[in-house]
């Protein structure tokens, strides 16, 4: 198997000023939950599936006792005002070289789709479950930071809680900057326990995304989706937890994880 296998599922349509939203597994799986919810709401068109020998050497077993390879997927949502590129998946690379290669691959495909803006989603591990999760922002340019500040959302840009954004959530922003694509990382507080599933925290991210991008989503549906998918999240969490532990480094480190 190739290091990176990109399988084209459908031909991408012409997009209108698309924004890439990344939501891959990490602390609390907050980004994954948020983007998976958007997929459920919009029923988007699947464009690419990405497989890699850099993903964990395991497969998922479904409720029907069928196996599924760890996969990252790129979807397209056509909207009236602005289109979306959704980056979702079961996993992300954990070693440094593979993470750089993967993030560069994503930027290459985003550029080919005409992407000019990126939003990545991640969690900031704290010592207890937050009652009202704060969302922090990290921008890859002063220009995009000022745009988001002027939107007057609840994104906090004037304080920092960590020194680094680890994994694809950070590198996609960094490599995007090298390719003249503006981007913002939205990092929400979440309980740093390895088995925590940050459903409430994902809702905080979705609330901001809805406001910033004028998304046509009903967050009341999220509670129902949470109930339906909790078993799936818990099952996948066994594999995802190993990824997060390898990405997190020493216990007590305060790092953003995508």
C-alpha atoms as a PDB file:
ATOM      1  CA  UNK A   1       0.000   0.000   0.000  1.00  0.00           C
ATOM      2  CA  UNK A   2       1.198   3.499  -0.820  1.00  0.00           C
ATOM      3  CA  UNK A   3       2.090   5.853   2.019  1.00  0.00           C
ATOM      4  CA  UNK A   4      -0.795   8.055   0.875  1.00  0.00           C
ATOM      5  CA  UNK A   5      -3.652   6.647  -1.171  1.00  0.00           C
ATOM      6  CA  UNK A   6      -6.194   9.243  -2.308  1.00  0.00           C
ATOM      7  CA  UNK A   7      -9.270   7.612  -3.808  1.00  0.00           C
ATOM      8  CA  UNK A   8     -11.467   9.887  -5.913  1.00  0.00           C
ATOM      9  CA  UNK A   9     -15.130   9.085  -5.280  1.00  0.00           C
ATOM     10  CA  UNK A  10     -16.834  11.899  -7.199  1.00  0.00           C
ATOM     11  CA  UNK A  11     -15.687  14.755  -9.407  1.00  0.00           C
ATOM     12  CA  UNK A  12     -15.682  18.030  -7.467  1.00  0.00           C
ATOM     13  CA  UNK A  13     -18.105  20.702  -8.690  1.00  0.00           C
ATOM     14  CA  UNK A  14     -17.073  24.303  -9.208  1.00  0.00           C
ATOM     15  CA  UNK A  15     -17.127  25.966  -5.803  1.00  0.00           C
ATOM     16  CA  UNK A  16     -18.059  29.454  -4.643  1.00  0.00           C
ATOM     17  CA  UNK A  17     -15.447  30.991  -2.302  1.00  0.00           C
ATOM     18  CA  UNK A  18     -15.149  27.745  -0.296  1.00  0.00           C
ATOM     19  CA  UNK A  19     -13.941  27.513   3.295  1.00  0.00           C
ATOM     20  CA  UNK A  20     -12.280  24.338   4.573  1.00  0.00           C
ATOM     21  CA  UNK A  21     -13.458  23.117   7.991  1.00  0.00           C
ATOM     22  CA  UNK A  22     -11.214  20.483   9.593  1.00  0.00           C
ATOM     23  CA  UNK A  23     -12.574  18.194  12.290  1.00  0.00           C
ATOM     24  CA  UNK A  24     -10.339  15.214  13.010  1.00  0.00           C
ATOM     25  CA  UNK A  25      -9.969  13.180  16.226  1.00  0.00           C
ATOM     26  CA  UNK A  26      -8.143  14.671  19.200  1.00  0.00           C
ATOM     27  CA  UNK A  27      -8.739  15.631  22.826  1.00  0.00           C
ATOM     28  CA  UNK A  28     -12.442  15.134  23.535  1.00  0.00           C
ATOM     29  CA  UNK A  29     -12.944  14.481  19.809  1.00  0.00           C
ATOM     30  CA  UNK A  30     -14.590  17.901  19.740  1.00  0.00           C
ATOM     31  CA  UNK A  31     -13.648  18.714  16.146  1.00  0.00           C
ATOM     32  CA  UNK A  32     -14.672  15.290  14.898  1.00  0.00           C
ATOM     33  CA  UNK A  33     -18.065  15.492  16.595  1.00  0.00           C
ATOM     34  CA  UNK A  34     -18.695  18.988  15.198  1.00  0.00           C
ATOM     35  CA  UNK A  35     -17.829  18.131  11.594  1.00  0.00           C
ATOM     36  CA  UNK A  36     -19.653  14.788  11.747  1.00  0.00           C
ATOM     37  CA  UNK A  37     -22.749  16.737  12.817  1.00  0.00           C
ATOM     38  CA  UNK A  38     -22.369  19.076   9.827  1.00  0.00           C
ATOM     39  CA  UNK A  39     -22.156  16.015   7.575  1.00  0.00           C
ATOM     40  CA  UNK A  40     -25.391  14.657   9.060  1.00  0.00           C
ATOM     41  CA  UNK A  41     -27.108  18.025   8.622  1.00  0.00           C
ATOM     42  CA  UNK A  42     -26.029  18.749   5.055  1.00  0.00           C
ATOM     43  CA  UNK A  43     -25.685  15.267   3.513  1.00  0.00           C
ATOM     44  CA  UNK A  44     -22.673  16.521   1.512  1.00  0.00           C
ATOM     45  CA  UNK A  45     -21.059  15.071  -1.586  1.00  0.00           C
ATOM     46  CA  UNK A  46     -18.100  12.789  -0.840  1.00  0.00           C
ATOM     47  CA  UNK A  47     -15.175  13.738  -3.101  1.00  0.00           C
ATOM     48  CA  UNK A  48     -12.079  11.957  -1.761  1.00  0.00           C
ATOM     49  CA  UNK A  49     -11.165   9.166   0.641  1.00  0.00           C
ATOM     50  CA  UNK A  50      -7.627   9.109   2.030  1.00  0.00           C
ATOM     51  CA  UNK A  51      -5.912   5.954   3.289  1.00  0.00           C
ATOM     52  CA  UNK A  52      -2.390   5.684   4.648  1.00  0.00           C
ATOM     53  CA  UNK A  53       0.140   3.284   6.106  1.00  0.00           C
ATOM     54  CA  UNK A  54       0.832   6.141   8.537  1.00  0.00           C
ATOM     55  CA  UNK A  55      -2.553   5.583  10.160  1.00  0.00           C
ATOM     56  CA  UNK A  56      -2.764   3.087  13.070  1.00  0.00           C
ATOM     57  CA  UNK A  57      -2.324  -0.571  12.096  1.00  0.00           C
ATOM     58  CA  UNK A  58      -5.900  -1.561  12.913  1.00  0.00           C
ATOM     59  CA  UNK A  59      -9.375  -1.605  11.404  1.00  0.00           C
ATOM     60  CA  UNK A  60     -12.791  -0.749  12.809  1.00  0.00           C
ATOM     61  CA  UNK A  61     -15.370  -3.529  13.180  1.00  0.00           C
ATOM     62  CA  UNK A  62     -18.926  -2.372  12.474  1.00  0.00           C
ATOM     63  CA  UNK A  63     -22.107  -3.529  14.210  1.00  0.00           C
ATOM     64  CA  UNK A  64     -22.642  -5.827  11.207  1.00  0.00           C
ATOM     65  CA  UNK A  65     -19.233  -7.416  11.788  1.00  0.00           C
ATOM     66  CA  UNK A  66     -17.732  -5.832   8.700  1.00  0.00           C
ATOM     67  CA  UNK A  67     -14.358  -4.129   8.805  1.00  0.00           C
ATOM     68  CA  UNK A  68     -13.580  -0.560   7.795  1.00  0.00           C
ATOM     69  CA  UNK A  69     -10.140   0.901   7.182  1.00  0.00           C
ATOM     70  CA  UNK A  70      -9.178   4.072   9.071  1.00  0.00           C
ATOM     71  CA  UNK A  71     -10.119   6.775   6.592  1.00  0.00           C
ATOM     72  CA  UNK A  72     -10.059  10.545   6.176  1.00  0.00           C
ATOM     73  CA  UNK A  73     -12.712  11.998   3.874  1.00  0.00           C
ATOM     74  CA  UNK A  74     -13.174  15.261   2.007  1.00  0.00           C
ATOM     75  CA  UNK A  75     -16.762  16.378   1.408  1.00  0.00           C
ATOM     76  CA  UNK A  76     -18.322  19.291  -0.454  1.00  0.00           C
ATOM     77  CA  UNK A  77     -21.388  21.277   0.638  1.00  0.00           C
ATOM     78  CA  UNK A  78     -22.933  23.556  -1.991  1.00  0.00           C
ATOM     79  CA  UNK A  79     -24.626  26.582  -0.436  1.00  0.00           C
ATOM     80  CA  UNK A  80     -26.265  29.757  -1.713  1.00  0.00           C
ATOM     81  CA  UNK A  81     -23.688  32.199  -0.379  1.00  0.00           C
ATOM     82  CA  UNK A  82     -20.528  30.220   0.311  1.00  0.00           C
ATOM     83  CA  UNK A  83     -19.564  26.586  -0.175  1.00  0.00           C
ATOM     84  CA  UNK A  84     -17.949  24.325   2.422  1.00  0.00           C
ATOM     85  CA  UNK A  85     -15.146  21.774   2.207  1.00  0.00           C
ATOM     86  CA  UNK A  86     -15.450  19.381   5.152  1.00  0.00           C
ATOM     87  CA  UNK A  87     -12.427  17.378   6.297  1.00  0.00           C
ATOM     88  CA  UNK A  88     -13.573  14.480   8.466  1.00  0.00           C
ATOM     89  CA  UNK A  89     -12.265  11.108   9.458  1.00  0.00           C
ATOM     90  CA  UNK A  90     -11.582   8.325  11.893  1.00  0.00           C
ATOM     91  CA  UNK A  91      -7.962   9.187  12.586  1.00  0.00           C
ATOM     92  CA  UNK A  92      -4.993  11.396  11.805  1.00  0.00           C
ATOM     93  CA  UNK A  93      -1.241  10.694  11.610  1.00  0.00           C
ATOM     94  CA  UNK A  94       0.605  10.826  14.903  1.00  0.00           C
ATOM     95  CA  UNK A  95       4.295  10.960  13.969  1.00  0.00           C
ATOM     96  CA  UNK A  96       5.846  14.250  12.926  1.00  0.00           C
ATOM     97  CA  UNK A  97       6.877  13.457   9.353  1.00  0.00           C
ATOM     98  CA  UNK A  98       3.546  11.855   8.466  1.00  0.00           C
ATOM     99  CA  UNK A  99       1.625  14.741  10.027  1.00  0.00           C
ATOM    100  CA  UNK A 100       3.513  17.228   7.846  1.00  0.00           C
ATOM    101  CA  UNK A 101       2.959  15.112   4.735  1.00  0.00           C
ATOM    102  CA  UNK A 102      -0.731  14.683   5.500  1.00  0.00           C
ATOM    103  CA  UNK A 103      -1.305  18.382   6.190  1.00  0.00           C
ATOM    104  CA  UNK A 104       0.512  19.330   2.988  1.00  0.00           C
ATOM    105  CA  UNK A 105      -1.655  16.836   1.070  1.00  0.00           C
ATOM    106  CA  UNK A 106      -4.799  18.439   2.473  1.00  0.00           C
ATOM    107  CA  UNK A 107      -3.618  21.927   1.508  1.00  0.00           C
ATOM    108  CA  UNK A 108      -2.819  20.752  -2.030  1.00  0.00           C
ATOM    109  CA  UNK A 109      -6.353  19.418  -2.455  1.00  0.00           C
ATOM    110  CA  UNK A 110      -7.881  22.487  -0.797  1.00  0.00           C
ATOM    111  CA  UNK A 111      -6.017  24.782  -3.213  1.00  0.00           C
ATOM    112  CA  UNK A 112      -7.167  22.690  -6.164  1.00  0.00           C
ATOM    113  CA  UNK A 113     -10.746  23.200  -4.961  1.00  0.00           C
ATOM    114  CA  UNK A 114     -10.252  26.975  -4.800  1.00  0.00           C
ATOM    115  CA  UNK A 115     -10.071  27.258  -1.009  1.00  0.00           C
ATOM    116  CA  UNK A 116      -9.056  30.680   0.333  1.00  0.00           C
ATOM    117  CA  UNK A 117      -9.879  30.216   4.023  1.00  0.00           C
ATOM    118  CA  UNK A 118      -9.413  27.465   6.602  1.00  0.00           C
ATOM    119  CA  UNK A 119     -11.062  26.811   9.959  1.00  0.00           C
ATOM    120  CA  UNK A 120      -9.574  24.049  12.100  1.00  0.00           C
ATOM    121  CA  UNK A 121     -11.270  22.688  15.226  1.00  0.00           C
ATOM    122  CA  UNK A 122      -9.578  21.289  18.316  1.00  0.00           C
ATOM    123  CA  UNK A 123      -9.702  20.836  22.057  1.00  0.00           C
ATOM    124  CA  UNK A 124      -7.718  22.297  24.933  1.00  0.00           C
ATOM    125  CA  UNK A 125      -7.461  19.745  27.712  1.00  0.00           C
ATOM    126  CA  UNK A 126      -8.214  21.070  31.194  1.00  0.00           C
ATOM    127  CA  UNK A 127      -8.450  19.306  34.553  1.00  0.00           C
ATOM    128  CA  UNK A 128     -12.253  19.150  34.799  1.00  0.00           C
ATOM    129  CA  UNK A 129     -15.297  19.145  32.562  1.00  0.00           C
ATOM    130  CA  UNK A 130     -16.110  22.790  31.728  1.00  0.00           C
ATOM    131  CA  UNK A 131     -19.568  24.096  32.576  1.00  0.00           C
ATOM    132  CA  UNK A 132     -19.394  26.830  29.954  1.00  0.00           C
ATOM    133  CA  UNK A 133     -16.581  25.923  27.549  1.00  0.00           C
ATOM    134  CA  UNK A 134     -14.565  28.902  26.322  1.00  0.00           C
ATOM    135  CA  UNK A 135     -13.447  28.963  22.689  1.00  0.00           C
ATOM    136  CA  UNK A 136     -10.016  30.408  21.917  1.00  0.00           C
ATOM    137  CA  UNK A 137      -8.839  31.571  18.515  1.00  0.00           C
ATOM    138  CA  UNK A 138      -5.424  31.313  16.859  1.00  0.00           C
ATOM    139  CA  UNK A 139      -4.985  32.910  13.426  1.00  0.00           C
ATOM    140  CA  UNK A 140      -2.294  32.417  10.800  1.00  0.00           C
ATOM    141  CA  UNK A 141      -2.393  36.065   9.731  1.00  0.00           C
ATOM    142  CA  UNK A 142      -3.195  39.431  11.253  1.00  0.00           C
ATOM    143  CA  UNK A 143      -5.662  40.025   8.426  1.00  0.00           C
ATOM    144  CA  UNK A 144      -7.861  37.018   9.193  1.00  0.00           C
ATOM    145  CA  UNK A 145      -7.601  37.656  12.927  1.00  0.00           C
ATOM    146  CA  UNK A 146      -8.982  41.171  12.501  1.00  0.00           C
ATOM    147  CA  UNK A 147     -11.819  39.864  10.321  1.00  0.00           C
ATOM    148  CA  UNK A 148     -12.876  37.440  13.056  1.00  0.00           C
ATOM    149  CA  UNK A 149     -12.458  40.003  15.830  1.00  0.00           C
ATOM    150  CA  UNK A 150     -14.796  42.352  13.948  1.00  0.00           C
ATOM    151  CA  UNK A 151     -17.431  39.615  13.753  1.00  0.00           C
ATOM    152  CA  UNK A 152     -17.833  40.068  17.540  1.00  0.00           C
ATOM    153  CA  UNK A 153     -18.285  36.402  18.296  1.00  0.00           C
ATOM    154  CA  UNK A 154     -17.405  34.646  21.555  1.00  0.00           C
ATOM    155  CA  UNK A 155     -13.989  33.622  20.202  1.00  0.00           C
ATOM    156  CA  UNK A 156     -11.260  34.748  22.615  1.00  0.00           C
ATOM    157  CA  UNK A 157      -8.183  36.127  20.830  1.00  0.00           C
ATOM    158  CA  UNK A 158      -6.670  38.250  23.593  1.00  0.00           C
ATOM    159  CA  UNK A 159      -5.538  35.417  25.876  1.00  0.00           C
ATOM    160  CA  UNK A 160      -3.414  32.349  25.331  1.00  0.00           C
ATOM    161  CA  UNK A 161      -3.699  29.093  27.223  1.00  0.00           C
ATOM    162  CA  UNK A 162      -1.064  26.981  25.493  1.00  0.00           C
ATOM    163  CA  UNK A 163       2.164  27.252  23.569  1.00  0.00           C
ATOM    164  CA  UNK A 164       1.450  24.948  20.632  1.00  0.00           C
ATOM    165  CA  UNK A 165      -1.240  23.455  18.431  1.00  0.00           C
ATOM    166  CA  UNK A 166      -0.290  19.831  17.856  1.00  0.00           C
ATOM    167  CA  UNK A 167      -1.099  17.715  14.809  1.00  0.00           C
ATOM    168  CA  UNK A 168      -3.154  18.506  11.720  1.00  0.00           C
ATOM    169  CA  UNK A 169      -5.216  21.163  13.505  1.00  0.00           C
ATOM    170  CA  UNK A 170      -2.087  23.295  13.762  1.00  0.00           C
ATOM    171  CA  UNK A 171      -0.095  22.206  10.727  1.00  0.00           C
ATOM    172  CA  UNK A 172      -2.935  22.743   8.267  1.00  0.00           C
ATOM    173  CA  UNK A 173      -3.020  26.370   9.434  1.00  0.00           C
ATOM    174  CA  UNK A 174       0.755  26.688   9.193  1.00  0.00           C
ATOM    175  CA  UNK A 175       1.109  25.104   5.763  1.00  0.00           C
ATOM    176  CA  UNK A 176      -1.939  27.055   4.653  1.00  0.00           C
ATOM    177  CA  UNK A 177      -0.093  30.249   5.558  1.00  0.00           C
ATOM    178  CA  UNK A 178       2.875  29.172   3.422  1.00  0.00           C
ATOM    179  CA  UNK A 179       0.409  28.792   0.553  1.00  0.00           C
ATOM    180  CA  UNK A 180      -1.291  32.158   1.124  1.00  0.00           C
ATOM    181  CA  UNK A 181      -4.460  30.650   2.576  1.00  0.00           C
ATOM    182  CA  UNK A 182      -5.736  32.505   5.649  1.00  0.00           C
ATOM    183  CA  UNK A 183      -6.933  30.400   8.536  1.00  0.00           C
ATOM    184  CA  UNK A 184      -8.193  30.329  12.104  1.00  0.00           C
ATOM    185  CA  UNK A 185      -7.994  27.574  14.694  1.00  0.00           C
ATOM    186  CA  UNK A 186     -10.979  27.381  17.049  1.00  0.00           C
ATOM    187  CA  UNK A 187      -9.878  25.663  20.247  1.00  0.00           C
ATOM    188  CA  UNK A 188     -12.486  24.808  22.869  1.00  0.00           C
ATOM    189  CA  UNK A 189     -11.919  23.903  26.506  1.00  0.00           C
ATOM    190  CA  UNK A 190     -12.629  20.235  27.167  1.00  0.00           C
ATOM    191  CA  UNK A 191     -11.960  17.727  29.934  1.00  0.00           C
ATOM    192  CA  UNK A 192      -8.499  16.288  29.294  1.00  0.00           C
ATOM    193  CA  UNK A 193      -9.362  12.712  30.313  1.00  0.00           C
ATOM    194  CA  UNK A 194      -8.543  10.187  27.601  1.00  0.00           C
ATOM    195  CA  UNK A 195     -12.052   8.686  27.558  1.00  0.00           C
ATOM    196  CA  UNK A 196     -13.974  11.965  27.645  1.00  0.00           C
ATOM    197  CA  UNK A 197     -16.279  12.650  24.697  1.00  0.00           C
ATOM    198  CA  UNK A 198     -16.728  16.411  24.376  1.00  0.00           C
ATOM    199  CA  UNK A 199     -20.309  16.648  23.148  1.00  0.00           C
ATOM    200  CA  UNK A 200     -21.167  19.882  24.931  1.00  0.00           C
ATOM    201  CA  UNK A 201     -17.853  21.395  23.833  1.00  0.00           C
ATOM    202  CA  UNK A 202     -18.536  20.448  20.205  1.00  0.00           C
ATOM    203  CA  UNK A 203     -21.839  22.299  20.489  1.00  0.00           C
ATOM    204  CA  UNK A 204     -19.909  25.434  21.515  1.00  0.00           C
ATOM    205  CA  UNK A 205     -17.817  25.134  18.347  1.00  0.00           C
ATOM    206  CA  UNK A 206     -20.912  24.600  16.206  1.00  0.00           C
ATOM    207  CA  UNK A 207     -22.613  27.635  17.733  1.00  0.00           C
ATOM    208  CA  UNK A 208     -19.687  29.809  16.646  1.00  0.00           C
ATOM    209  CA  UNK A 209     -19.484  28.215  13.191  1.00  0.00           C
ATOM    210  CA  UNK A 210     -23.204  28.817  12.710  1.00  0.00           C
ATOM    211  CA  UNK A 211     -22.763  32.478  13.621  1.00  0.00           C
ATOM    212  CA  UNK A 212     -19.585  33.102  11.604  1.00  0.00           C
ATOM    213  CA  UNK A 213     -20.599  31.240   8.434  1.00  0.00           C
ATOM    214  CA  UNK A 214     -24.396  31.714   8.670  1.00  0.00           C
ATOM    215  CA  UNK A 215     -24.891  27.949   8.572  1.00  0.00           C
ATOM    216  CA  UNK A 216     -28.359  26.527   7.992  1.00  0.00           C
ATOM    217  CA  UNK A 217     -28.226  24.077  10.892  1.00  0.00           C
ATOM    218  CA  UNK A 218     -30.508  23.380  13.842  1.00  0.00           C
ATOM    219  CA  UNK A 219     -28.479  22.756  16.975  1.00  0.00           C
ATOM    220  CA  UNK A 220     -31.537  21.255  18.653  1.00  0.00           C
ATOM    221  CA  UNK A 221     -30.882  18.241  16.450  1.00  0.00           C
ATOM    222  CA  UNK A 222     -27.470  17.818  18.059  1.00  0.00           C
ATOM    223  CA  UNK A 223     -28.835  16.327  21.282  1.00  0.00           C
ATOM    224  CA  UNK A 224     -30.710  13.676  19.302  1.00  0.00           C
ATOM    225  CA  UNK A 225     -27.636  12.908  17.208  1.00  0.00           C
ATOM    226  CA  UNK A 226     -25.540  12.668  20.374  1.00  0.00           C
ATOM    227  CA  UNK A 227     -27.844   9.994  21.783  1.00  0.00           C
ATOM    228  CA  UNK A 228     -27.804   8.021  18.522  1.00  0.00           C
ATOM    229  CA  UNK A 229     -24.044   8.177  18.072  1.00  0.00           C
ATOM    230  CA  UNK A 230     -22.794   7.822  21.630  1.00  0.00           C
ATOM    231  CA  UNK A 231     -22.233   4.071  21.250  1.00  0.00           C
ATOM    232  CA  UNK A 232     -20.303   4.607  18.027  1.00  0.00           C
ATOM    233  CA  UNK A 233     -18.143   7.318  19.589  1.00  0.00           C
ATOM    234  CA  UNK A 234     -17.337   5.115  22.560  1.00  0.00           C
ATOM    235  CA  UNK A 235     -16.346   2.216  20.312  1.00  0.00           C
ATOM    236  CA  UNK A 236     -14.150   4.359  18.070  1.00  0.00           C
ATOM    237  CA  UNK A 237     -12.671   6.032  21.124  1.00  0.00           C
ATOM    238  CA  UNK A 238     -10.666   2.904  21.925  1.00  0.00           C
ATOM    239  CA  UNK A 239      -8.593   3.461  18.792  1.00  0.00           C
ATOM    240  CA  UNK A 240      -8.702   7.260  18.918  1.00  0.00           C
ATOM    241  CA  UNK A 241      -7.489   7.314  22.522  1.00  0.00           C
ATOM    242  CA  UNK A 242      -4.229   5.680  21.518  1.00  0.00           C
ATOM    243  CA  UNK A 243      -3.749   8.408  18.927  1.00  0.00           C
ATOM    244  CA  UNK A 244      -4.413  11.207  21.396  1.00  0.00           C
ATOM    245  CA  UNK A 245      -2.070   9.707  23.999  1.00  0.00           C
ATOM    246  CA  UNK A 246       0.741   9.519  21.455  1.00  0.00           C
ATOM    247  CA  UNK A 247       0.089  13.103  20.347  1.00  0.00           C
ATOM    248  CA  UNK A 248      -0.286  14.574  23.820  1.00  0.00           C
ATOM    249  CA  UNK A 249       3.249  14.040  25.083  1.00  0.00           C
ATOM    250  CA  UNK A 250       3.953  14.286  28.798  1.00  0.00           C
ATOM    251  CA  UNK A 251       1.114  14.316  31.288  1.00  0.00           C
ATOM    252  CA  UNK A 252       0.265  17.845  32.305  1.00  0.00           C
ATOM    253  CA  UNK A 253       1.360  19.427  29.029  1.00  0.00           C
ATOM    254  CA  UNK A 254      -1.157  22.088  27.976  1.00  0.00           C
ATOM    255  CA  UNK A 255      -1.307  21.648  24.202  1.00  0.00           C
ATOM    256  CA  UNK A 256      -3.977  22.165  21.608  1.00  0.00           C
ATOM    257  CA  UNK A 257      -4.841  18.885  19.920  1.00  0.00           C
ATOM    258  CA  UNK A 258      -6.703  18.710  16.628  1.00  0.00           C
END
